Amino acid sequence: MKRTISALLCAGLIAVTFTACSSADSFSDKENLSKNVERNSDTETTFNYSDGAVSAPTEYNSYSSEVSDFELKLFRNYYKNNSDKKSFVFAPANTALTLGLLANGAAKQSQTNIVNALSDELVLDSENQCSSYFQSRLKAFSSDGTNTDENGKNSEKAYVKLNQSMFFNDTVDIRKNFLKANADFYGANIFRFVFSDENAVKKVNSVLGENAVTSLDNSNNLFCTSTSDIYDEWLNAYEKDAVADGTFYSESGEKTVKYMTSAENYIHTDKAQGIIKYMRNTPVKFVAIMPNEDTSLESYISSMTYLEYSDMLDSFKITSLTNASVPEFSIKSDGKPTSLKSELENCGLADIFTDSINLSNITLSDDLFVNDISEIQPSVTVNSAGIGGGESVKATVTANTLKSDSKTTDSSLKFDRPFIFMLIDNESNIPLYIGTVDF
């Protein structure tokens, strides 16, 4: 009997050793703290859409407007620091969700500061429930991009991916209540591992993407990074003959670009004009906004408050169409984390990155600090078939949108100067992506 037990123990040790060796470049189950924490499926508590919470929390309207306001502040600060770039895009929704989770780990005044930065109208419990509903609804309406038909080809391929990750050094103990709050409301990846380990960089890159980081500072107790991706076709695709060359008046001179022309829903304020165009399979709409000719892009962005944003969207009328010409464009990510520390500090969150932050709801340690909150900026390709991120949309364009709607358009609008674009959640109007386009 003892020999049998010994043999079983030896076999178990061999299996464990083999597993450890085979996963040296990726996180083990022990290091992935979020993997085995069960989510509460009570929809009255979590408002998780995939569990059946088809109605939003009562505070959702306040959450939507407050979070959108925060994201626009972040955008204005981001533009100040990146105005030298012709085109850029980032995903502020990911940052808002990261901060929501971080608020659960903060305590006392530190928690109040984070919650108030996101919304001065909501308490943390409401913030959690609304964040859960917002993100889970997006996931519920989006496939993982692996659906195939009987011929093995992609079928109804569409997805919106917002992923947040927190990386803790192994010296930090993590409270179970924090992990439970993440499982119930946010679903972020939470890892704890030895930063100085020889395979540490490979493990991080197994989550963030190849060559995302090249080194880790052993003193970094916590860093947060997010990734995002999107793929979908237009609800109303462009005709094949609705794409033609035209002139774009870039800040650096005239450029020849391809314009896509179709009848789209018109929106406007006294400062700018724009359009809304819907996606086929995901609950997302594309919004393009161009300042009036007497207003520079820089000036308009500096004045783009939530009031301007809401006035723009409130001007939408289903019967108000414009013959819109939008250029095809592509913005490529370098795959590297971009720090948002400066932008967040200018949003009133400077204490997050100091040793004065109280993170006692994450850990018993009194020296945990947040080294950085960053994102790997998404890639975006907008063409006549739809929107692609990591891969370009290559669907066949056959719809007769232009012919069927052109007779009822009230005006025409050509995006032939630098403009803003957004990808917005249909229900809440919370921006997922915000960027600018120039050539």
Protein backbone atom coordinates (compact mmCIF):
# COMPACT_ATOMS: atom_id res chain seq x y z
CA MET A 1 0.00 0.00 0.00
CA LYS A 2 2.83 2.40 0.92
CA ARG A 3 4.51 1.63 -2.41
CA THR A 4 1.28 2.49 -4.22
CA ILE A 5 0.97 5.80 -2.37
CA SER A 6 4.62 6.58 -3.05
CA ALA A 7 4.15 5.84 -6.73
CA LEU A 8 1.11 8.11 -6.88
CA LEU A 9 2.99 10.88 -5.11
CA CYS A 10 5.90 10.57 -7.51
CA ALA A 11 3.55 10.66 -10.48
CA GLY A 12 1.89 13.75 -9.05
CA LEU A 13 5.22 15.47 -8.53
CA ILE A 14 6.25 14.67 -12.10
CA ALA A 15 2.96 16.08 -13.40
CA VAL A 16 3.33 19.25 -11.34
CA THR A 17 6.93 19.66 -12.45
CA PHE A 18 5.97 19.16 -16.09
CA THR A 19 3.12 21.67 -15.82
CA ALA A 20 5.37 24.24 -14.18
CA CYS A 21 8.00 23.85 -16.85
CA SER A 22 5.53 23.99 -19.69
CA SER A 23 4.00 27.24 -18.41
CA ALA A 24 7.19 29.07 -17.46
CA ASP A 25 6.43 31.82 -20.00
CA SER A 26 2.85 32.33 -18.86
CA PHE A 27 1.07 32.89 -15.56
CA SER A 28 0.31 29.87 -13.42
CA ASP A 29 -3.08 29.39 -11.76
CA LYS A 30 -1.46 30.43 -8.49
CA GLU A 31 -0.23 33.68 -10.01
CA ASN A 32 -3.55 34.44 -11.73
CA LEU A 33 -5.49 35.54 -8.65
CA SER A 34 -8.68 36.33 -10.57
CA LYS A 35 -9.00 32.96 -12.27
CA ASN A 36 -10.75 30.90 -9.62
CA VAL A 37 -12.83 33.55 -7.84
CA GLU A 38 -16.50 32.85 -8.51
CA ARG A 39 -18.74 35.72 -9.58
CA ASN A 40 -21.97 36.39 -7.75
CA SER A 41 -24.77 35.57 -10.22
CA ASP A 42 -27.45 37.48 -8.28
CA THR A 43 -28.45 40.15 -10.81
CA GLU A 44 -30.01 42.36 -8.13
CA THR A 45 -26.52 42.72 -6.69
CA THR A 46 -24.21 42.66 -9.70
CA PHE A 47 -26.49 43.74 -12.59
CA ASN A 48 -24.47 41.47 -14.86
CA TYR A 49 -26.21 41.44 -18.24
CA SER A 50 -25.04 37.96 -19.16
CA ASP A 51 -26.68 36.63 -15.97
CA GLY A 52 -30.03 38.09 -16.99
CA ALA A 53 -29.95 41.70 -15.77
CA VAL A 54 -31.80 43.16 -18.74
CA SER A 55 -32.65 46.35 -16.83
CA ALA A 56 -29.96 48.86 -15.93
CA PRO A 57 -29.40 50.06 -12.35
CA THR A 58 -31.56 53.03 -11.35
CA GLU A 59 -28.48 55.29 -11.23
CA TYR A 60 -27.33 54.31 -14.74
CA ASN A 61 -28.25 57.62 -16.37
CA SER A 62 -26.17 59.50 -13.82
CA TYR A 63 -23.33 57.02 -14.24
CA SER A 64 -23.41 57.35 -18.03
CA SER A 65 -23.25 61.14 -18.00
CA GLU A 66 -20.66 61.34 -15.22
CA VAL A 67 -18.33 58.74 -16.73
CA SER A 68 -18.66 60.35 -20.15
CA ASP A 69 -17.76 63.70 -18.57
CA PHE A 70 -14.67 62.13 -16.98
CA GLU A 71 -13.63 60.54 -20.28
CA LEU A 72 -13.92 63.86 -22.09
CA LYS A 73 -11.69 65.49 -19.46
CA LEU A 74 -9.22 62.69 -20.04
CA PHE A 75 -9.47 63.26 -23.80
CA ARG A 76 -8.80 66.99 -23.48
CA ASN A 77 -5.72 66.29 -21.35
CA TYR A 78 -4.61 63.52 -23.67
CA TYR A 79 -4.84 65.79 -26.70
CA LYS A 80 -2.72 68.45 -24.99
CA ASN A 81 0.03 65.87 -24.56
CA ASN A 82 -0.33 64.37 -28.05
CA SER A 83 -1.29 67.31 -30.26
CA ASP A 84 1.86 66.72 -32.30
CA LYS A 85 0.41 63.45 -33.59
CA LYS A 86 -1.56 63.66 -36.82
CA SER A 87 -3.93 60.89 -35.78
CA PHE A 88 -4.35 59.02 -32.53
CA VAL A 89 -6.91 56.94 -30.66
CA PHE A 90 -7.26 55.72 -27.10
CA ALA A 91 -9.88 53.83 -25.09
CA PRO A 92 -10.90 55.95 -22.07
CA ALA A 93 -13.64 53.49 -21.08
CA ASN A 94 -10.93 51.03 -20.06
CA THR A 95 -9.32 53.64 -17.82
CA ALA A 96 -12.65 54.47 -16.17
CA LEU A 97 -13.23 50.78 -15.43
CA THR A 98 -9.70 50.39 -14.06
CA LEU A 99 -10.27 53.32 -11.71
CA GLY A 100 -13.61 51.87 -10.62
CA LEU A 101 -11.90 48.66 -9.60
CA LEU A 102 -9.05 50.53 -7.94
CA ALA A 103 -11.58 52.47 -5.87
CA ASN A 104 -12.62 49.16 -4.30
CA GLY A 105 -9.05 48.70 -3.09
CA ALA A 106 -8.64 52.24 -1.82
CA ALA A 107 -9.85 53.39 1.59
CA LYS A 108 -10.96 56.57 3.32
CA GLN A 109 -10.09 59.78 1.46
CA SER A 110 -8.25 57.91 -1.31
CA GLN A 111 -11.41 56.00 -2.17
CA THR A 112 -13.50 59.17 -2.03
CA ASN A 113 -11.12 60.96 -4.40
CA ILE A 114 -11.31 58.20 -7.02
CA VAL A 115 -15.09 57.80 -6.81
CA ASN A 116 -15.63 61.56 -7.00
CA ALA A 117 -13.33 61.86 -10.01
CA LEU A 118 -15.50 59.35 -11.85
CA SER A 119 -18.79 60.66 -10.51
CA ASP A 120 -19.62 63.03 -7.69
CA GLU A 121 -23.22 61.82 -7.78
CA LEU A 122 -22.69 58.11 -7.05
CA VAL A 123 -21.41 56.06 -4.14
CA LEU A 124 -19.04 53.14 -4.76
CA ASP A 125 -21.75 50.46 -4.66
CA SER A 126 -23.65 52.21 -7.46
CA GLU A 127 -20.44 52.76 -9.39
CA ASN A 128 -19.73 49.03 -9.18
CA GLN A 129 -23.20 47.97 -10.31
CA CYS A 130 -23.28 50.40 -13.22
CA SER A 131 -19.78 49.41 -14.33
CA SER A 132 -20.81 45.76 -14.21
CA TYR A 133 -23.91 46.39 -16.32
CA PHE A 134 -22.05 48.56 -18.84
CA GLN A 135 -19.20 46.15 -19.48
CA SER A 136 -21.20 42.91 -19.29
CA ARG A 137 -23.77 44.23 -21.76
CA LEU A 138 -21.03 45.01 -24.27
CA LYS A 139 -19.64 41.51 -23.86
CA ALA A 140 -23.06 39.87 -24.12
CA PHE A 141 -23.72 41.51 -27.50
CA SER A 142 -20.26 40.75 -28.85
CA SER A 143 -18.94 37.41 -30.01
CA ASP A 144 -15.34 36.39 -29.45
CA GLY A 145 -14.63 36.51 -33.16
CA THR A 146 -14.35 32.74 -33.53
CA ASN A 147 -17.80 31.87 -34.87
CA THR A 148 -17.64 29.73 -38.01
CA ASP A 149 -20.20 28.46 -40.47
CA GLU A 150 -20.47 24.93 -41.89
CA ASN A 151 -17.64 25.67 -44.34
CA GLY A 152 -15.29 26.72 -41.59
CA LYS A 153 -15.45 30.39 -42.53
CA ASN A 154 -16.04 33.25 -40.10
CA SER A 155 -19.73 33.93 -39.67
CA GLU A 156 -21.16 37.10 -38.14
CA LYS A 157 -17.68 37.99 -36.96
CA ALA A 158 -17.94 40.90 -34.58
CA TYR A 159 -16.54 41.83 -31.21
CA VAL A 160 -15.77 44.63 -28.81
CA LYS A 161 -13.04 43.78 -26.32
CA LEU A 162 -12.22 45.91 -23.30
CA ASN A 163 -9.68 44.20 -21.06
CA GLN A 164 -8.13 45.53 -17.87
CA SER A 165 -5.17 43.98 -16.05
CA MET A 166 -3.50 44.61 -12.70
CA PHE A 167 0.00 43.31 -11.97
CA PHE A 168 1.19 43.04 -8.35
CA ASN A 169 4.66 42.20 -7.17
CA ASP A 170 4.80 38.97 -5.18
CA THR A 171 5.70 40.88 -2.00
CA VAL A 172 2.09 42.13 -1.76
CA ASP A 173 -0.67 40.19 -0.05
CA ILE A 174 -4.09 40.65 -1.68
CA ARG A 175 -7.32 40.72 0.29
CA LYS A 176 -10.04 38.26 -0.74
CA ASN A 177 -12.72 40.97 -0.61
CA PHE A 178 -10.91 42.92 -3.32
CA LEU A 179 -10.70 39.86 -5.54
CA LYS A 180 -14.39 39.19 -4.92
CA ALA A 181 -15.36 42.75 -5.86
CA ASN A 182 -13.41 42.34 -9.08
CA ALA A 183 -15.12 39.04 -9.88
CA ASP A 184 -18.59 40.43 -9.12
CA PHE A 185 -18.37 43.72 -10.99
CA TYR A 186 -15.28 44.14 -13.21
CA GLY A 187 -13.74 40.88 -14.39
CA ALA A 188 -10.23 42.31 -14.71
CA ASN A 189 -7.17 40.05 -14.86
CA ILE A 190 -5.29 40.25 -11.57
CA PHE A 191 -1.81 38.75 -11.36
CA ARG A 192 0.71 38.49 -8.53
CA PHE A 193 4.18 37.27 -9.37
CA VAL A 194 7.86 37.91 -8.78
CA PHE A 195 8.80 40.94 -10.88
CA SER A 196 12.48 40.01 -10.77
CA ASP A 197 11.88 36.47 -12.04
CA GLU A 198 13.72 35.67 -15.27
CA ASN A 199 10.42 34.86 -17.01
CA ALA A 200 8.46 37.82 -15.61
CA VAL A 201 8.53 39.88 -18.81
CA LYS A 202 7.42 36.92 -20.92
CA LYS A 203 4.53 36.32 -18.54
CA VAL A 204 3.33 39.91 -18.80
CA ASN A 205 3.61 39.82 -22.58
CA SER A 206 1.59 36.62 -22.71
CA VAL A 207 -1.31 38.81 -21.55
CA LEU A 208 -0.55 42.16 -23.19
CA GLY A 209 0.94 41.00 -26.47
CA GLU A 210 4.33 40.09 -27.87
CA ASN A 211 7.07 42.60 -26.99
CA ALA A 212 4.65 44.86 -25.09
CA VAL A 213 7.14 45.36 -22.25
CA THR A 214 10.87 44.79 -22.26
CA SER A 215 11.69 45.08 -18.55
CA LEU A 216 10.12 45.38 -15.11
CA ASP A 217 11.27 47.53 -12.22
CA ASN A 218 11.44 45.31 -9.16
CA SER A 219 10.21 48.21 -7.01
CA ASN A 220 6.96 48.49 -8.96
CA ASN A 221 4.36 47.18 -6.52
CA LEU A 222 1.39 47.65 -8.83
CA PHE A 223 0.89 48.69 -12.41
CA CYS A 224 -2.37 48.66 -14.36
CA THR A 225 -2.60 48.23 -18.12
CA SER A 226 -5.56 47.80 -20.47
CA THR A 227 -6.04 46.57 -24.01
CA SER A 228 -8.93 46.89 -26.46
CA ASP A 229 -10.02 45.72 -29.89
CA ILE A 230 -13.05 45.95 -32.17
CA TYR A 231 -14.26 44.30 -35.35
CA ASP A 232 -17.62 44.86 -37.03
CA GLU A 233 -19.32 45.73 -40.31
CA TRP A 234 -21.49 48.76 -40.95
CA LEU A 235 -25.21 48.29 -40.49
CA ASN A 236 -25.63 50.10 -43.81
CA ALA A 237 -22.58 49.36 -45.92
CA TYR A 238 -21.27 51.55 -48.70
CA GLU A 239 -21.81 50.86 -52.37
CA LYS A 240 -18.78 49.80 -54.35
CA ASP A 241 -18.99 52.99 -56.42
CA ALA A 242 -19.42 55.22 -53.35
CA VAL A 243 -15.66 55.30 -52.66
CA ALA A 244 -13.58 57.82 -54.60
CA ASP A 245 -10.43 59.90 -54.29
CA GLY A 246 -10.68 63.43 -52.95
CA THR A 247 -8.67 66.18 -51.29
CA PHE A 248 -8.11 66.39 -47.54
CA TYR A 249 -6.87 69.72 -46.19
CA SER A 250 -4.38 68.55 -43.60
CA GLU A 251 -2.54 70.93 -41.30
CA SER A 252 0.58 69.93 -43.24
CA GLY A 253 -0.96 70.55 -46.67
CA GLU A 254 -3.34 69.02 -49.17
CA LYS A 255 -3.51 65.22 -49.33
CA THR A 256 -5.33 62.82 -51.64
CA VAL A 257 -7.42 60.31 -49.70
CA LYS A 258 -10.29 57.91 -50.40
CA TYR A 259 -13.72 59.22 -49.37
CA MET A 260 -16.72 57.03 -48.53
CA THR A 261 -20.02 58.77 -49.33
CA SER A 262 -23.46 57.85 -48.04
CA ALA A 263 -26.54 59.35 -46.42
CA GLU A 264 -26.06 59.41 -42.64
CA ASN A 265 -27.78 60.85 -39.60
CA TYR A 266 -26.75 64.46 -39.10
CA ILE A 267 -25.79 65.99 -35.74
CA HIS A 268 -24.56 69.48 -34.94
CA THR A 269 -24.02 72.32 -32.47
CA ASP A 270 -23.14 75.95 -33.11
CA LYS A 271 -19.45 74.93 -33.02
CA ALA A 272 -19.29 71.74 -35.08
CA GLN A 273 -21.10 69.27 -37.34
CA GLY A 274 -21.05 65.52 -37.40
CA ILE A 275 -22.67 62.21 -38.30
CA ILE A 276 -23.67 58.97 -36.60
CA LYS A 277 -23.25 55.62 -38.37
CA TYR A 278 -24.27 52.33 -36.73
CA MET A 279 -22.51 48.97 -36.64
CA ARG A 280 -24.21 45.73 -37.71
CA ASN A 281 -23.58 43.26 -34.89
CA THR A 282 -22.24 45.16 -31.89
CA PRO A 283 -24.09 47.78 -29.78
CA VAL A 284 -21.75 50.50 -31.00
CA LYS A 285 -22.05 53.56 -33.21
CA PHE A 286 -19.37 55.51 -35.06
CA VAL A 287 -19.47 59.26 -34.57
CA ALA A 288 -17.42 61.77 -36.58
CA ILE A 289 -17.32 65.43 -35.52
CA MET A 290 -15.67 68.24 -37.47
CA PRO A 291 -15.33 71.79 -36.08
CA ASN A 292 -16.73 74.63 -38.12
CA GLU A 293 -14.34 76.27 -40.58
CA ASP A 294 -13.67 79.22 -38.27
CA THR A 295 -12.71 76.90 -35.38
CA SER A 296 -9.46 74.95 -35.14
CA LEU A 297 -9.44 71.36 -33.93
CA GLU A 298 -7.31 72.36 -30.94
CA SER A 299 -9.72 75.12 -29.96
CA TYR A 300 -12.76 72.87 -30.34
CA ILE A 301 -11.28 70.05 -28.27
CA SER A 302 -10.39 72.47 -25.48
CA SER A 303 -14.08 73.43 -25.33
CA MET A 304 -15.46 69.92 -25.74
CA THR A 305 -17.14 69.57 -22.37
CA TYR A 306 -19.90 67.13 -21.56
CA LEU A 307 -22.43 69.89 -22.33
CA GLU A 308 -21.07 70.23 -25.88
CA TYR A 309 -21.00 66.44 -26.24
CA SER A 310 -24.57 65.94 -25.01
CA ASP A 311 -25.86 68.85 -27.13
CA MET A 312 -24.24 67.24 -30.16
CA LEU A 313 -25.88 63.86 -29.54
CA ASP A 314 -29.21 65.42 -28.54
CA SER A 315 -29.40 67.10 -31.95
CA PHE A 316 -29.92 63.66 -33.53
CA LYS A 317 -33.15 63.25 -35.49
CA ILE A 318 -33.95 60.04 -37.33
CA THR A 319 -35.28 62.04 -40.29
CA SER A 320 -32.33 64.43 -40.50
CA LEU A 321 -29.84 63.07 -43.02
CA THR A 322 -26.79 64.50 -44.69
CA ASN A 323 -24.85 63.24 -47.68
CA ALA A 324 -21.64 62.57 -45.76
CA SER A 325 -18.17 61.92 -47.18
CA VAL A 326 -15.82 60.37 -44.64
CA PRO A 327 -12.21 59.45 -45.46
CA GLU A 328 -10.95 55.92 -44.98
CA PHE A 329 -8.24 55.94 -42.34
CA SER A 330 -6.04 53.63 -40.34
CA ILE A 331 -4.27 54.18 -37.01
CA LYS A 332 -1.77 51.53 -35.99
CA SER A 333 -0.73 50.73 -32.43
CA ASP A 334 2.90 50.18 -31.51
CA GLY A 335 1.78 47.56 -28.99
CA LYS A 336 3.51 49.32 -26.10
CA PRO A 337 1.84 50.55 -22.90
CA THR A 338 1.32 54.33 -22.95
CA SER A 339 1.28 55.96 -19.54
CA LEU A 340 -1.81 57.98 -18.61
CA LYS A 341 -0.27 59.26 -15.38
CA SER A 342 -0.03 62.89 -16.48
CA GLU A 343 -3.56 62.93 -17.91
CA LEU A 344 -5.01 61.41 -14.73
CA GLU A 345 -3.11 63.81 -12.50
CA ASN A 346 -4.69 66.67 -14.45
CA CYS A 347 -8.10 65.07 -13.88
CA GLY A 348 -7.63 65.53 -10.13
CA LEU A 349 -6.09 62.14 -9.36
CA ALA A 350 -2.51 63.15 -8.58
CA ASP A 351 -2.47 61.37 -5.21
CA ILE A 352 -2.99 57.96 -6.86
CA PHE A 353 0.68 57.85 -7.79
CA THR A 354 2.11 59.00 -4.45
CA ASP A 355 2.88 57.13 -1.26
CA SER A 356 -0.02 58.94 0.41
CA ILE A 357 -2.59 56.73 -1.31
CA ASN A 358 -4.41 54.41 1.06
CA LEU A 359 -4.85 50.96 -0.51
CA SER A 360 -5.71 49.11 2.68
CA ASN A 361 -8.74 47.48 1.05
CA ILE A 362 -6.32 45.69 -1.27
CA THR A 363 -3.60 44.70 1.15
CA LEU A 364 -2.41 44.72 4.75
CA SER A 365 0.90 46.11 3.54
CA ASP A 366 1.31 49.82 4.22
CA ASP A 367 3.75 50.51 1.39
CA LEU A 368 1.74 49.49 -1.69
CA PHE A 369 1.69 52.18 -4.34
CA VAL A 370 0.45 52.50 -7.92
CA ASN A 371 3.43 52.87 -10.21
CA ASP A 372 1.39 53.54 -13.35
CA ILE A 373 -1.96 53.30 -15.10
CA SER A 374 -1.44 52.83 -18.81
CA GLU A 375 -3.05 51.41 -21.90
CA ILE A 376 -1.90 49.73 -25.05
CA GLN A 377 -3.52 52.03 -27.54
CA PRO A 378 -5.79 50.22 -29.99
CA SER A 379 -5.33 49.89 -33.71
CA VAL A 380 -8.26 51.12 -35.79
CA THR A 381 -8.98 50.76 -39.49
CA VAL A 382 -12.11 52.42 -40.88
CA ASN A 383 -13.01 51.45 -44.42
CA SER A 384 -16.05 50.96 -46.64
CA ALA A 385 -16.89 47.61 -45.04
CA GLY A 386 -16.65 48.55 -41.38
CA ILE A 387 -14.24 48.98 -38.50
CA GLY A 388 -11.36 46.69 -37.67
CA GLY A 389 -8.71 46.81 -34.99
CA GLY A 390 -6.22 43.98 -34.87
CA GLU A 391 -7.39 42.99 -38.34
CA SER A 392 -9.04 44.98 -41.13
CA VAL A 393 -12.64 44.37 -42.10
CA LYS A 394 -12.78 42.79 -45.55
CA ALA A 395 -16.48 42.13 -46.00
CA THR A 396 -18.18 42.54 -49.36
CA VAL A 397 -19.81 45.94 -49.77
CA THR A 398 -23.12 45.58 -51.56
CA ALA A 399 -25.71 47.74 -49.79
CA ASN A 400 -27.54 50.47 -51.71
CA THR A 401 -27.50 52.99 -48.88
CA LEU A 402 -26.56 55.97 -51.02
CA LYS A 403 -29.15 55.38 -53.74
CA SER A 404 -32.01 54.70 -51.38
CA ASP A 405 -31.36 57.66 -49.09
CA SER A 406 -29.74 60.33 -51.22
CA LYS A 407 -33.05 61.87 -52.31
CA THR A 408 -34.03 62.64 -48.71
CA THR A 409 -30.79 64.24 -47.52
CA ASP A 410 -31.03 67.78 -46.23
CA SER A 411 -27.42 68.76 -46.84
CA SER A 412 -23.92 67.50 -47.56
CA LEU A 413 -20.93 67.27 -45.24
CA LYS A 414 -17.39 66.42 -46.27
CA PHE A 415 -14.85 65.58 -43.58
CA ASP A 416 -12.00 67.19 -45.46
CA ARG A 417 -10.30 68.81 -42.45
CA PRO A 418 -8.93 67.32 -39.19
CA PHE A 419 -11.79 65.83 -37.18
CA ILE A 420 -12.67 63.83 -34.07
CA PHE A 421 -14.06 60.31 -34.19
CA MET A 422 -15.59 58.18 -31.47
CA LEU A 423 -16.96 54.70 -31.00
CA ILE A 424 -19.87 55.03 -28.57
CA ASP A 425 -22.03 52.55 -26.68
CA ASN A 426 -25.54 52.78 -28.14
CA GLU A 427 -27.45 52.59 -24.88
CA SER A 428 -25.40 54.76 -22.53
CA ASN A 429 -23.57 57.02 -25.01
CA ILE A 430 -20.37 56.34 -23.08
CA PRO A 431 -17.40 56.65 -25.46
CA LEU A 432 -15.37 53.47 -25.86
CA TYR A 433 -12.77 55.00 -28.19
CA ILE A 434 -11.94 58.65 -28.84
CA GLY A 435 -9.42 59.86 -31.40
CA THR A 436 -8.51 62.43 -34.02
CA VAL A 437 -7.86 62.05 -37.74
CA ASP A 438 -5.42 64.03 -39.86
CA PHE A 439 -3.22 62.93 -42.76
